Amino acid sequence: MSEVVILVTNSGLGNAEKGLREKMMGVFLSTLDTFPQLPGKILFYTDGVKLVVEGSPVIGELKALEEKGVHLIACGTCLDYFGLKDQLVVGEVGGMAAILEAMIGAEKVLSV
């Protein structure tokens, strides 16, 4: 595991229509899963938390990464805001302190 942290702040990748953004996030995560060097953590906040809850189109990809040891952390405040805390399927709920600790301790922080 590397000291790379990935920030996910949207429920898809890019700025296209929703269907394409969701498809691209799936492609991103499944391609990431094939790399020999995985990030240590993926942090989800704002709209990004919608990817770790029931109904997310990328739960399978996220579970595969988690099984390989990637630590997935979803912002508890954001989950509460959207009323999704009880729908978490993958990863764990963390506060802003956990998110900041991960970012500050990382060698690299990538935002998607």
PDB file of N, CA and C in Angstrom:
ATOM      1  N   MET A   1       0.846  -1.182   0.000  1.00  0.00           N
ATOM      2  CA  MET A   1       0.000   0.000   0.000  1.00  0.00           C
ATOM      3  C   MET A   1       0.887   1.240   0.000  1.00  0.00           C
ATOM      4  N   SER A   2       0.501   2.207  -0.754  1.00  0.00           N
ATOM      5  CA  SER A   2       1.289   3.430  -0.846  1.00  0.00           C
ATOM      6  C   SER A   2       0.726   4.497   0.086  1.00  0.00           C
ATOM      7  N   GLU A   3       1.423   5.584   0.136  1.00  0.00           N
ATOM      8  CA  GLU A   3       0.964   6.721   0.916  1.00  0.00           C
ATOM      9  C   GLU A   3       0.149   7.668   0.032  1.00  0.00           C
ATOM     10  N   VAL A   4      -0.561   7.127  -0.917  1.00  0.00           N
ATOM     11  CA  VAL A   4      -1.423   7.923  -1.784  1.00  0.00           C
ATOM     12  C   VAL A   4      -2.845   7.858  -1.251  1.00  0.00           C
ATOM     13  N   VAL A   5      -3.483   9.008  -1.206  1.00  0.00           N
ATOM     14  CA  VAL A   5      -4.884   9.118  -0.799  1.00  0.00           C
ATOM     15  C   VAL A   5      -5.654   9.713  -1.970  1.00  0.00           C
ATOM     16  N   ILE A   6      -6.805   9.133  -2.257  1.00  0.00           N
ATOM     17  CA  ILE A   6      -7.671   9.654  -3.321  1.00  0.00           C
ATOM     18  C   ILE A   6      -8.901  10.282  -2.686  1.00  0.00           C
ATOM     19  N   LEU A   7      -9.216  11.507  -3.102  1.00  0.00           N
ATOM     20  CA  LEU A   7     -10.409  12.209  -2.649  1.00  0.00           C
ATOM     21  C   LEU A   7     -11.499  12.065  -3.700  1.00  0.00           C
ATOM     22  N   VAL A   8     -12.670  11.656  -3.267  1.00  0.00           N
ATOM     23  CA  VAL A   8     -13.811  11.543  -4.164  1.00  0.00           C
ATOM     24  C   VAL A   8     -14.882  12.487  -3.631  1.00  0.00           C
ATOM     25  N   THR A   9     -15.136  13.555  -4.376  1.00  0.00           N
ATOM     26  CA  THR A   9     -16.065  14.582  -3.918  1.00  0.00           C
ATOM     27  C   THR A   9     -17.321  14.685  -4.777  1.00  0.00           C
ATOM     28  N   ASN A  10     -17.424  13.807  -5.773  1.00  0.00           N
ATOM     29  CA  ASN A  10     -18.596  13.792  -6.650  1.00  0.00           C
ATOM     30  C   ASN A  10     -19.107  12.368  -6.792  1.00  0.00           C
ATOM     31  N   SER A  11     -20.334  12.232  -7.216  1.00  0.00           N
ATOM     32  CA  SER A  11     -20.914  10.899  -7.371  1.00  0.00           C
ATOM     33  C   SER A  11     -20.620  10.302  -8.747  1.00  0.00           C
ATOM     34  N   GLY A  12     -19.732  10.935  -9.474  1.00  0.00           N
ATOM     35  CA  GLY A  12     -19.289  10.451 -10.770  1.00  0.00           C
ATOM     36  C   GLY A  12     -17.960  11.099 -11.107  1.00  0.00           C
ATOM     37  N   LEU A  13     -17.454  10.812 -12.287  1.00  0.00           N
ATOM     38  CA  LEU A  13     -16.159  11.344 -12.703  1.00  0.00           C
ATOM     39  C   LEU A  13     -16.364  12.314 -13.855  1.00  0.00           C
ATOM     40  N   GLY A  14     -15.860  13.512 -13.705  1.00  0.00           N
ATOM     41  CA  GLY A  14     -15.968  14.515 -14.761  1.00  0.00           C
ATOM     42  C   GLY A  14     -17.211  15.374 -14.647  1.00  0.00           C
ATOM     43  N   ASN A  15     -17.518  16.083 -15.731  1.00  0.00           N
ATOM     44  CA  ASN A  15     -18.625  17.038 -15.740  1.00  0.00           C
ATOM     45  C   ASN A  15     -19.674  16.760 -16.809  1.00  0.00           C
ATOM     46  N   ALA A  16     -19.725  15.565 -17.309  1.00  0.00           N
ATOM     47  CA  ALA A  16     -20.699  15.205 -18.346  1.00  0.00           C
ATOM     48  C   ALA A  16     -22.044  14.878 -17.705  1.00  0.00           C
ATOM     49  N   GLU A  17     -22.974  14.363 -18.500  1.00  0.00           N
ATOM     50  CA  GLU A  17     -24.272  13.969 -17.951  1.00  0.00           C
ATOM     51  C   GLU A  17     -24.089  12.821 -16.964  1.00  0.00           C
ATOM     52  N   LYS A  18     -25.059  12.654 -16.086  1.00  0.00           N
ATOM     53  CA  LYS A  18     -24.958  11.715 -14.964  1.00  0.00           C
ATOM     54  C   LYS A  18     -24.561  10.303 -15.396  1.00  0.00           C
ATOM     55  N   GLY A  19     -25.190   9.774 -16.425  1.00  0.00           N
ATOM     56  CA  GLY A  19     -24.896   8.411 -16.860  1.00  0.00           C
ATOM     57  C   GLY A  19     -23.438   8.218 -17.244  1.00  0.00           C
ATOM     58  N   LEU A  20     -22.874   9.174 -17.960  1.00  0.00           N
ATOM     59  CA  LEU A  20     -21.476   9.080 -18.367  1.00  0.00           C
ATOM     60  C   LEU A  20     -20.550   9.265 -17.168  1.00  0.00           C
ATOM     61  N   ARG A  21     -20.874  10.205 -16.268  1.00  0.00           N
ATOM     62  CA  ARG A  21     -20.052  10.405 -15.059  1.00  0.00           C
ATOM     63  C   ARG A  21     -19.985   9.120 -14.237  1.00  0.00           C
ATOM     64  N   GLU A  22     -21.136   8.454 -14.053  1.00  0.00           N
ATOM     65  CA  GLU A  22     -21.181   7.212 -13.281  1.00  0.00           C
ATOM     66  C   GLU A  22     -20.395   6.109 -13.977  1.00  0.00           C
ATOM     67  N   LYS A  23     -20.538   6.009 -15.289  1.00  0.00           N
ATOM     68  CA  LYS A  23     -19.814   4.992 -16.048  1.00  0.00           C
ATOM     69  C   LYS A  23     -18.307   5.221 -15.928  1.00  0.00           C
ATOM     70  N   MET A  24     -17.881   6.468 -16.050  1.00  0.00           N
ATOM     71  CA  MET A  24     -16.458   6.788 -15.956  1.00  0.00           C
ATOM     72  C   MET A  24     -15.898   6.495 -14.560  1.00  0.00           C
ATOM     73  N   MET A  25     -16.689   6.722 -13.518  1.00  0.00           N
ATOM     74  CA  MET A  25     -16.225   6.390 -12.165  1.00  0.00           C
ATOM     75  C   MET A  25     -16.037   4.885 -12.034  1.00  0.00           C
ATOM     76  N   GLY A  26     -16.959   4.116 -12.618  1.00  0.00           N
ATOM     77  CA  GLY A  26     -16.821   2.660 -12.606  1.00  0.00           C
ATOM     78  C   GLY A  26     -15.568   2.210 -13.330  1.00  0.00           C
ATOM     79  N   VAL A  27     -15.302   2.812 -14.487  1.00  0.00           N
ATOM     80  CA  VAL A  27     -14.099   2.482 -15.258  1.00  0.00           C
ATOM     81  C   VAL A  27     -12.850   2.866 -14.461  1.00  0.00           C
ATOM     82  N   PHE A  28     -12.872   4.045 -13.852  1.00  0.00           N
ATOM     83  CA  PHE A  28     -11.744   4.501 -13.039  1.00  0.00           C
ATOM     84  C   PHE A  28     -11.437   3.517 -11.924  1.00  0.00           C
ATOM     85  N   LEU A  29     -12.458   3.141 -11.158  1.00  0.00           N
ATOM     86  CA  LEU A  29     -12.257   2.253 -10.006  1.00  0.00           C
ATOM     87  C   LEU A  29     -11.850   0.845 -10.425  1.00  0.00           C
ATOM     88  N   SER A  30     -12.456   0.317 -11.485  1.00  0.00           N
ATOM     89  CA  SER A  30     -12.089  -1.032 -11.917  1.00  0.00           C
ATOM     90  C   SER A  30     -10.681  -1.047 -12.514  1.00  0.00           C
ATOM     91  N   THR A  31     -10.280   0.024 -13.175  1.00  0.00           N
ATOM     92  CA  THR A  31      -8.912   0.113 -13.690  1.00  0.00           C
ATOM     93  C   THR A  31      -7.925   0.262 -12.539  1.00  0.00           C
ATOM     94  N   LEU A  32      -8.261   1.071 -11.562  1.00  0.00           N
ATOM     95  CA  LEU A  32      -7.421   1.230 -10.371  1.00  0.00           C
ATOM     96  C   LEU A  32      -7.171  -0.124  -9.709  1.00  0.00           C
ATOM     97  N   ASP A  33      -8.187  -0.958  -9.678  1.00  0.00           N
ATOM     98  CA  ASP A  33      -8.092  -2.288  -9.057  1.00  0.00           C
ATOM     99  C   ASP A  33      -7.058  -3.185  -9.742  1.00  0.00           C
ATOM    100  N   THR A  34      -6.700  -2.877 -10.984  1.00  0.00           N
ATOM    101  CA  THR A  34      -5.728  -3.695 -11.716  1.00  0.00           C
ATOM    102  C   THR A  34      -4.290  -3.232 -11.502  1.00  0.00           C
ATOM    103  N   PHE A  35      -4.097  -2.079 -10.899  1.00  0.00           N
ATOM    104  CA  PHE A  35      -2.757  -1.543 -10.696  1.00  0.00           C
ATOM    105  C   PHE A  35      -2.056  -2.284  -9.554  1.00  0.00           C
ATOM    106  N   PRO A  36      -0.746  -2.498  -9.692  1.00  0.00           N
ATOM    107  CA  PRO A  36      -0.021  -3.179  -8.621  1.00  0.00           C
ATOM    108  C   PRO A  36       0.111  -2.322  -7.361  1.00  0.00           C
ATOM    109  N   GLN A  37       0.157  -1.008  -7.529  1.00  0.00           N
ATOM    110  CA  GLN A  37       0.273  -0.111  -6.386  1.00  0.00           C
ATOM    111  C   GLN A  37      -1.063   0.594  -6.182  1.00  0.00           C
ATOM    112  N   LEU A  38      -1.729   0.257  -5.088  1.00  0.00           N
ATOM    113  CA  LEU A  38      -3.041   0.829  -4.782  1.00  0.00           C
ATOM    114  C   LEU A  38      -2.893   1.969  -3.786  1.00  0.00           C
ATOM    115  N   PRO A  39      -3.877   2.857  -3.756  1.00  0.00           N
ATOM    116  CA  PRO A  39      -3.838   3.909  -2.735  1.00  0.00           C
ATOM    117  C   PRO A  39      -4.048   3.300  -1.353  1.00  0.00           C
ATOM    118  N   GLY A  40      -3.573   3.988  -0.345  1.00  0.00           N
ATOM    119  CA  GLY A  40      -3.806   3.528   1.018  1.00  0.00           C
ATOM    120  C   GLY A  40      -5.237   3.784   1.457  1.00  0.00           C
ATOM    121  N   LYS A  41      -5.777   4.925   1.012  1.00  0.00           N
ATOM    122  CA  LYS A  41      -7.123   5.307   1.416  1.00  0.00           C
ATOM    123  C   LYS A  41      -7.839   6.001   0.270  1.00  0.00           C
ATOM    124  N   ILE A  42      -9.159   5.835   0.268  1.00  0.00           N
ATOM    125  CA  ILE A  42     -10.033   6.640  -0.595  1.00  0.00           C
ATOM    126  C   ILE A  42     -11.017   7.315   0.343  1.00  0.00           C
ATOM    127  N   LEU A  43     -11.071   8.642   0.259  1.00  0.00           N
ATOM    128  CA  LEU A  43     -11.927   9.438   1.125  1.00  0.00           C
ATOM    129  C   LEU A  43     -13.113   9.966   0.322  1.00  0.00           C
ATOM    130  N   PHE A  44     -14.300   9.830   0.880  1.00  0.00           N
ATOM    131  CA  PHE A  44     -15.522  10.257   0.201  1.00  0.00           C
ATOM    132  C   PHE A  44     -16.181  11.358   1.018  1.00  0.00           C
ATOM    133  N   TYR A  45     -16.402  12.509   0.399  1.00  0.00           N
ATOM    134  CA  TYR A  45     -17.170  13.555   1.072  1.00  0.00           C
ATOM    135  C   TYR A  45     -17.980  14.342   0.066  1.00  0.00           C
ATOM    136  N   THR A  46     -18.824  15.220   0.541  1.00  0.00           N
ATOM    137  CA  THR A  46     -19.881  15.895  -0.215  1.00  0.00           C
ATOM    138  C   THR A  46     -20.627  14.846  -1.049  1.00  0.00           C
ATOM    139  N   ASP A  47     -20.874  15.096  -2.322  1.00  0.00           N
ATOM    140  CA  ASP A  47     -21.635  14.143  -3.141  1.00  0.00           C
ATOM    141  C   ASP A  47     -20.942  12.791  -3.302  1.00  0.00           C
ATOM    142  N   GLY A  48     -19.654  12.722  -3.028  1.00  0.00           N
ATOM    143  CA  GLY A  48     -18.918  11.466  -3.147  1.00  0.00           C
ATOM    144  C   GLY A  48     -19.442  10.365  -2.246  1.00  0.00           C
ATOM    145  N   VAL A  49     -20.065  10.741  -1.117  1.00  0.00           N
ATOM    146  CA  VAL A  49     -20.583   9.711  -0.203  1.00  0.00           C
ATOM    147  C   VAL A  49     -21.697   8.891  -0.843  1.00  0.00           C
ATOM    148  N   LYS A  50     -22.298   9.404  -1.897  1.00  0.00           N
ATOM    149  CA  LYS A  50     -23.382   8.667  -2.570  1.00  0.00           C
ATOM    150  C   LYS A  50     -22.865   7.408  -3.259  1.00  0.00           C
ATOM    151  N   LEU A  51     -21.545   7.274  -3.382  1.00  0.00           N
ATOM    152  CA  LEU A  51     -20.961   6.099  -4.022  1.00  0.00           C
ATOM    153  C   LEU A  51     -20.797   4.913  -3.082  1.00  0.00           C
ATOM    154  N   VAL A  52     -20.879   5.126  -1.778  1.00  0.00           N
ATOM    155  CA  VAL A  52     -20.633   4.049  -0.814  1.00  0.00           C
ATOM    156  C   VAL A  52     -21.913   3.547  -0.149  1.00  0.00           C
ATOM    157  N   VAL A  53     -23.049   3.942  -0.675  1.00  0.00           N
ATOM    158  CA  VAL A  53     -24.332   3.586  -0.067  1.00  0.00           C
ATOM    159  C   VAL A  53     -25.163   2.724  -1.018  1.00  0.00           C
ATOM    160  N   GLU A  54     -26.243   2.176  -0.481  1.00  0.00           N
ATOM    161  CA  GLU A  54     -27.174   1.361  -1.278  1.00  0.00           C
ATOM    162  C   GLU A  54     -27.544   2.080  -2.569  1.00  0.00           C
ATOM    163  N   GLY A  55     -27.569   1.343  -3.648  1.00  0.00           N
ATOM    164  CA  GLY A  55     -27.953   1.892  -4.942  1.00  0.00           C
ATOM    165  C   GLY A  55     -26.804   2.466  -5.750  1.00  0.00           C
ATOM    166  N   SER A  56     -25.617   2.518  -5.178  1.00  0.00           N
ATOM    167  CA  SER A  56     -24.463   3.044  -5.900  1.00  0.00           C
ATOM    168  C   SER A  56     -24.099   2.110  -7.045  1.00  0.00           C
ATOM    169  N   PRO A  57     -23.778   2.674  -8.212  1.00  0.00           N
ATOM    170  CA  PRO A  57     -23.404   1.826  -9.344  1.00  0.00           C
ATOM    171  C   PRO A  57     -21.984   1.264  -9.246  1.00  0.00           C
ATOM    172  N   VAL A  58     -21.226   1.657  -8.224  1.00  0.00           N
ATOM    173  CA  VAL A  58     -19.824   1.210  -8.136  1.00  0.00           C
ATOM    174  C   VAL A  58     -19.520   0.438  -6.847  1.00  0.00           C
ATOM    175  N   ILE A  59     -20.540  -0.092  -6.199  1.00  0.00           N
ATOM    176  CA  ILE A  59     -20.316  -0.854  -4.957  1.00  0.00           C
ATOM    177  C   ILE A  59     -19.377  -2.037  -5.200  1.00  0.00           C
ATOM    178  N   GLY A  60     -19.567  -2.761  -6.280  1.00  0.00           N
ATOM    179  CA  GLY A  60     -18.715  -3.917  -6.573  1.00  0.00           C
ATOM    180  C   GLY A  60     -17.252  -3.537  -6.703  1.00  0.00           C
ATOM    181  N   GLU A  61     -16.984  -2.461  -7.416  1.00  0.00           N
ATOM    182  CA  GLU A  61     -15.609  -1.999  -7.595  1.00  0.00           C
ATOM    183  C   GLU A  61     -14.997  -1.574  -6.260  1.00  0.00           C
ATOM    184  N   LEU A  62     -15.795  -0.881  -5.439  1.00  0.00           N
ATOM    185  CA  LEU A  62     -15.299  -0.435  -4.140  1.00  0.00           C
ATOM    186  C   LEU A  62     -15.055  -1.608  -3.192  1.00  0.00           C
ATOM    187  N   LYS A  63     -15.926  -2.594  -3.212  1.00  0.00           N
ATOM    188  CA  LYS A  63     -15.726  -3.779  -2.368  1.00  0.00           C
ATOM    189  C   LYS A  63     -14.446  -4.506  -2.766  1.00  0.00           C
ATOM    190  N   ALA A  64     -14.189  -4.596  -4.067  1.00  0.00           N
ATOM    191  CA  ALA A  64     -12.967  -5.263  -4.540  1.00  0.00           C
ATOM    192  C   ALA A  64     -11.724  -4.534  -4.036  1.00  0.00           C
ATOM    193  N   LEU A  65     -11.739  -3.213  -4.070  1.00  0.00           N
ATOM    194  CA  LEU A  65     -10.598  -2.442  -3.574  1.00  0.00           C
ATOM    195  C   LEU A  65     -10.448  -2.596  -2.059  1.00  0.00           C
ATOM    196  N   GLU A  66     -11.567  -2.576  -1.357  1.00  0.00           N
ATOM    197  CA  GLU A  66     -11.529  -2.737   0.095  1.00  0.00           C
ATOM    198  C   GLU A  66     -10.961  -4.115   0.466  1.00  0.00           C
ATOM    199  N   GLU A  67     -11.339  -5.139  -0.281  1.00  0.00           N
ATOM    200  CA  GLU A  67     -10.832  -6.490  -0.021  1.00  0.00           C
ATOM    201  C   GLU A  67      -9.321  -6.582  -0.226  1.00  0.00           C
ATOM    202  N   LYS A  68      -8.776  -5.692  -1.052  1.00  0.00           N
ATOM    203  CA  LYS A  68      -7.324  -5.662  -1.277  1.00  0.00           C
ATOM    204  C   LYS A  68      -6.609  -4.773  -0.259  1.00  0.00           C
ATOM    205  N   GLY A  69      -7.359  -4.241   0.696  1.00  0.00           N
ATOM    206  CA  GLY A  69      -6.732  -3.463   1.761  1.00  0.00           C
ATOM    207  C   GLY A  69      -6.838  -1.963   1.641  1.00  0.00           C
ATOM    208  N   VAL A  70      -7.508  -1.455   0.636  1.00  0.00           N
ATOM    209  CA  VAL A  70      -7.699  -0.007   0.525  1.00  0.00           C
ATOM    210  C   VAL A  70      -8.727   0.416   1.576  1.00  0.00           C
ATOM    211  N   HIS A  71      -8.365   1.384   2.386  1.00  0.00           N
ATOM    212  CA  HIS A  71      -9.223   1.865   3.463  1.00  0.00           C
ATOM    213  C   HIS A  71     -10.172   2.919   2.891  1.00  0.00           C
ATOM    214  N   LEU A  72     -11.473   2.660   2.983  1.00  0.00           N
ATOM    215  CA  LEU A  72     -12.496   3.578   2.458  1.00  0.00           C
ATOM    216  C   LEU A  72     -13.147   4.310   3.628  1.00  0.00           C
ATOM    217  N   ILE A  73     -13.137   5.644   3.579  1.00  0.00           N
ATOM    218  CA  ILE A  73     -13.706   6.453   4.654  1.00  0.00           C
ATOM    219  C   ILE A  73     -14.716   7.433   4.068  1.00  0.00           C
ATOM    220  N   ALA A  74     -15.936   7.389   4.598  1.00  0.00           N
ATOM    221  CA  ALA A  74     -17.011   8.285   4.152  1.00  0.00           C
ATOM    222  C   ALA A  74     -17.291   9.312   5.237  1.00  0.00           C
ATOM    223  N   CYS A  75     -17.460  10.540   4.850  1.00  0.00           N
ATOM    224  CA  CYS A  75     -17.730  11.640   5.768  1.00  0.00           C
ATOM    225  C   CYS A  75     -19.088  11.461   6.450  1.00  0.00           C
ATOM    226  N   GLY A  76     -19.066  11.362   7.772  1.00  0.00           N
ATOM    227  CA  GLY A  76     -20.297  11.194   8.535  1.00  0.00           C
ATOM    228  C   GLY A  76     -21.229  12.385   8.430  1.00  0.00           C
ATOM    229  N   THR A  77     -20.690  13.595   8.441  1.00  0.00           N
ATOM    230  CA  THR A  77     -21.513  14.800   8.319  1.00  0.00           C
ATOM    231  C   THR A  77     -22.250  14.798   6.983  1.00  0.00           C
ATOM    232  N   CYS A  78     -21.556  14.398   5.929  1.00  0.00           N
ATOM    233  CA  CYS A  78     -22.155  14.371   4.589  1.00  0.00           C
ATOM    234  C   CYS A  78     -23.235  13.295   4.501  1.00  0.00           C
ATOM    235  N   LEU A  79     -22.956  12.121   5.045  1.00  0.00           N
ATOM    236  CA  LEU A  79     -23.961  11.051   5.056  1.00  0.00           C
ATOM    237  C   LEU A  79     -25.210  11.502   5.812  1.00  0.00           C
ATOM    238  N   ASP A  80     -25.019  12.167   6.954  1.00  0.00           N
ATOM    239  CA  ASP A  80     -26.151  12.700   7.721  1.00  0.00           C
ATOM    240  C   ASP A  80     -26.926  13.727   6.906  1.00  0.00           C
ATOM    241  N   TYR A  81     -26.213  14.611   6.253  1.00  0.00           N
ATOM    242  CA  TYR A  81     -26.842  15.678   5.468  1.00  0.00           C
ATOM    243  C   TYR A  81     -27.783  15.112   4.405  1.00  0.00           C
ATOM    244  N   PHE A  82     -27.331  14.051   3.741  1.00  0.00           N
ATOM    245  CA  PHE A  82     -28.143  13.426   2.688  1.00  0.00           C
ATOM    246  C   PHE A  82     -29.102  12.364   3.230  1.00  0.00           C
ATOM    247  N   GLY A  83     -29.071  12.110   4.536  1.00  0.00           N
ATOM    248  CA  GLY A  83     -29.922  11.085   5.126  1.00  0.00           C
ATOM    249  C   GLY A  83     -29.532   9.676   4.710  1.00  0.00           C
ATOM    250  N   LEU A  84     -28.245   9.441   4.542  1.00  0.00           N
ATOM    251  CA  LEU A  84     -27.756   8.168   4.002  1.00  0.00           C
ATOM    252  C   LEU A  84     -26.950   7.322   4.983  1.00  0.00           C
ATOM    253  N   LYS A  85     -26.772   7.793   6.205  1.00  0.00           N
ATOM    254  CA  LYS A  85     -25.874   7.102   7.134  1.00  0.00           C
ATOM    255  C   LYS A  85     -26.266   5.644   7.357  1.00  0.00           C
ATOM    256  N   ASP A  86     -27.557   5.363   7.402  1.00  0.00           N
ATOM    257  CA  ASP A  86     -28.009   3.985   7.628  1.00  0.00           C
ATOM    258  C   ASP A  86     -27.971   3.136   6.362  1.00  0.00           C
ATOM    259  N   GLN A  87     -27.541   3.713   5.240  1.00  0.00           N
ATOM    260  CA  GLN A  87     -27.478   2.982   3.976  1.00  0.00           C
ATOM    261  C   GLN A  87     -26.051   2.662   3.533  1.00  0.00           C
ATOM    262  N   LEU A  88     -25.082   2.899   4.407  1.00  0.00           N
ATOM    263  CA  LEU A  88     -23.684   2.619   4.083  1.00  0.00           C
ATOM    264  C   LEU A  88     -23.510   1.134   3.775  1.00  0.00           C
ATOM    265  N   VAL A  89     -22.875   0.824   2.652  1.00  0.00           N
ATOM    266  CA  VAL A  89     -22.671  -0.559   2.225  1.00  0.00           C
ATOM    267  C   VAL A  89     -21.200  -0.956   2.283  1.00  0.00           C
ATOM    268  N   VAL A  90     -20.328  -0.020   2.006  1.00  0.00           N
ATOM    269  CA  VAL A  90     -18.900  -0.316   1.939  1.00  0.00           C
ATOM    270  C   VAL A  90     -18.131   0.805   2.623  1.00  0.00           C
ATOM    271  N   GLY A  91     -17.012   0.444   3.249  1.00  0.00           N
ATOM    272  CA  GLY A  91     -16.198   1.439   3.933  1.00  0.00           C
ATOM    273  C   GLY A  91     -16.697   1.695   5.338  1.00  0.00           C
ATOM    274  N   GLU A  92     -16.206   2.776   5.921  1.00  0.00           N
ATOM    275  CA  GLU A  92     -16.597   3.141   7.274  1.00  0.00           C
ATOM    276  C   GLU A  92     -16.873   4.635   7.355  1.00  0.00           C
ATOM    277  N   VAL A  93     -17.613   5.010   8.355  1.00  0.00           N
ATOM    278  CA  VAL A  93     -17.925   6.415   8.584  1.00  0.00           C
ATOM    279  C   VAL A  93     -16.775   7.038   9.357  1.00  0.00           C
ATOM    280  N   GLY A  94     -16.345   8.199   8.917  1.00  0.00           N
ATOM    281  CA  GLY A  94     -15.287   8.928   9.602  1.00  0.00           C
ATOM    282  C   GLY A  94     -15.644  10.395   9.704  1.00  0.00           C
ATOM    283  N   GLY A  95     -15.047  11.048  10.632  1.00  0.00           N
ATOM    284  CA  GLY A  95     -15.255  12.477  10.793  1.00  0.00           C
ATOM    285  C   GLY A  95     -14.223  13.272  10.023  1.00  0.00           C
ATOM    286  N   MET A  96     -14.330  14.584  10.110  1.00  0.00           N
ATOM    287  CA  MET A  96     -13.388  15.453   9.415  1.00  0.00           C
ATOM    288  C   MET A  96     -11.964  15.242   9.934  1.00  0.00           C
ATOM    289  N   ALA A  97     -11.823  14.908  11.225  1.00  0.00           N
ATOM    290  CA  ALA A  97     -10.483  14.654  11.767  1.00  0.00           C
ATOM    291  C   ALA A  97      -9.816  13.480  11.052  1.00  0.00           C
ATOM    292  N   ALA A  98     -10.570  12.411  10.792  1.00  0.00           N
ATOM    293  CA  ALA A  98     -10.014  11.249  10.083  1.00  0.00           C
ATOM    294  C   ALA A  98      -9.649  11.605   8.646  1.00  0.00           C
ATOM    295  N   ILE A  99     -10.472  12.428   8.017  1.00  0.00           N
ATOM    296  CA  ILE A  99     -10.210  12.847   6.639  1.00  0.00           C
ATOM    297  C   ILE A  99      -8.955  13.714   6.584  1.00  0.00           C
ATOM    298  N   LEU A 100      -8.868  14.689   7.477  1.00  0.00           N
ATOM    299  CA  LEU A 100      -7.690  15.561   7.501  1.00  0.00           C
ATOM    300  C   LEU A 100      -6.425  14.798   7.859  1.00  0.00           C
ATOM    301  N   GLU A 101      -6.519  13.893   8.809  1.00  0.00           N
ATOM    302  CA  GLU A 101      -5.367  13.083   9.198  1.00  0.00           C
ATOM    303  C   GLU A 101      -4.840  12.283   8.007  1.00  0.00           C
ATOM    304  N   ALA A 102      -5.752  11.706   7.246  1.00  0.00           N
ATOM    305  CA  ALA A 102      -5.356  10.935   6.064  1.00  0.00           C
ATOM    306  C   ALA A 102      -4.696  11.829   5.017  1.00  0.00           C
ATOM    307  N   MET A 103      -5.253  13.001   4.806  1.00  0.00           N
ATOM    308  CA  MET A 103      -4.698  13.921   3.802  1.00  0.00           C
ATOM    309  C   MET A 103      -3.326  14.440   4.216  1.00  0.00           C
ATOM    310  N   ILE A 104      -3.203  14.841   5.472  1.00  0.00           N
ATOM    311  CA  ILE A 104      -1.940  15.412   5.947  1.00  0.00           C
ATOM    312  C   ILE A 104      -0.843  14.353   5.997  1.00  0.00           C
ATOM    313  N   GLY A 105      -1.207  13.114   6.310  1.00  0.00           N
ATOM    314  CA  GLY A 105      -0.229  12.049   6.402  1.00  0.00           C
ATOM    315  C   GLY A 105       0.152  11.424   5.071  1.00  0.00           C
ATOM    316  N   ALA A 106      -0.511  11.818   4.008  1.00  0.00           N
ATOM    317  CA  ALA A 106      -0.272  11.208   2.694  1.00  0.00           C
ATOM    318  C   ALA A 106       0.957  11.792   2.007  1.00  0.00           C
ATOM    319  N   GLU A 107       1.604  10.944   1.230  1.00  0.00           N
ATOM    320  CA  GLU A 107       2.703  11.403   0.378  1.00  0.00           C
ATOM    321  C   GLU A 107       2.127  12.198  -0.798  1.00  0.00           C
ATOM    322  N   LYS A 108       0.989  11.712  -1.319  1.00  0.00           N
ATOM    323  CA  LYS A 108       0.291  12.371  -2.424  1.00  0.00           C
ATOM    324  C   LYS A 108      -1.198  12.314  -2.170  1.00  0.00           C
ATOM    325  N   VAL A 109      -1.893  13.380  -2.533  1.00  0.00           N
ATOM    326  CA  VAL A 109      -3.356  13.410  -2.468  1.00  0.00           C
ATOM    327  C   VAL A 109      -3.855  13.709  -3.882  1.00  0.00           C
ATOM    328  N   LEU A 110      -4.680  12.785  -4.401  1.00  0.00           N
ATOM    329  CA  LEU A 110      -5.261  12.942  -5.730  1.00  0.00           C
ATOM    330  C   LEU A 110      -6.752  13.189  -5.576  1.00  0.00           C
ATOM    331  N   SER A 111      -7.274  14.123  -6.327  1.00  0.00           N
ATOM    332  CA  SER A 111      -8.697  14.418  -6.280  1.00  0.00           C
ATOM    333  C   SER A 111      -9.330  14.042  -7.609  1.00  0.00           C
ATOM    334  N   VAL A 112     -10.422  13.273  -7.546  1.00  0.00           N
ATOM    335  CA  VAL A 112     -11.129  12.884  -8.768  1.00  0.00           C
ATOM    336  C   VAL A 112     -12.555  13.370  -8.722  1.00  0.00           C
TER     337      VAL A 112
END
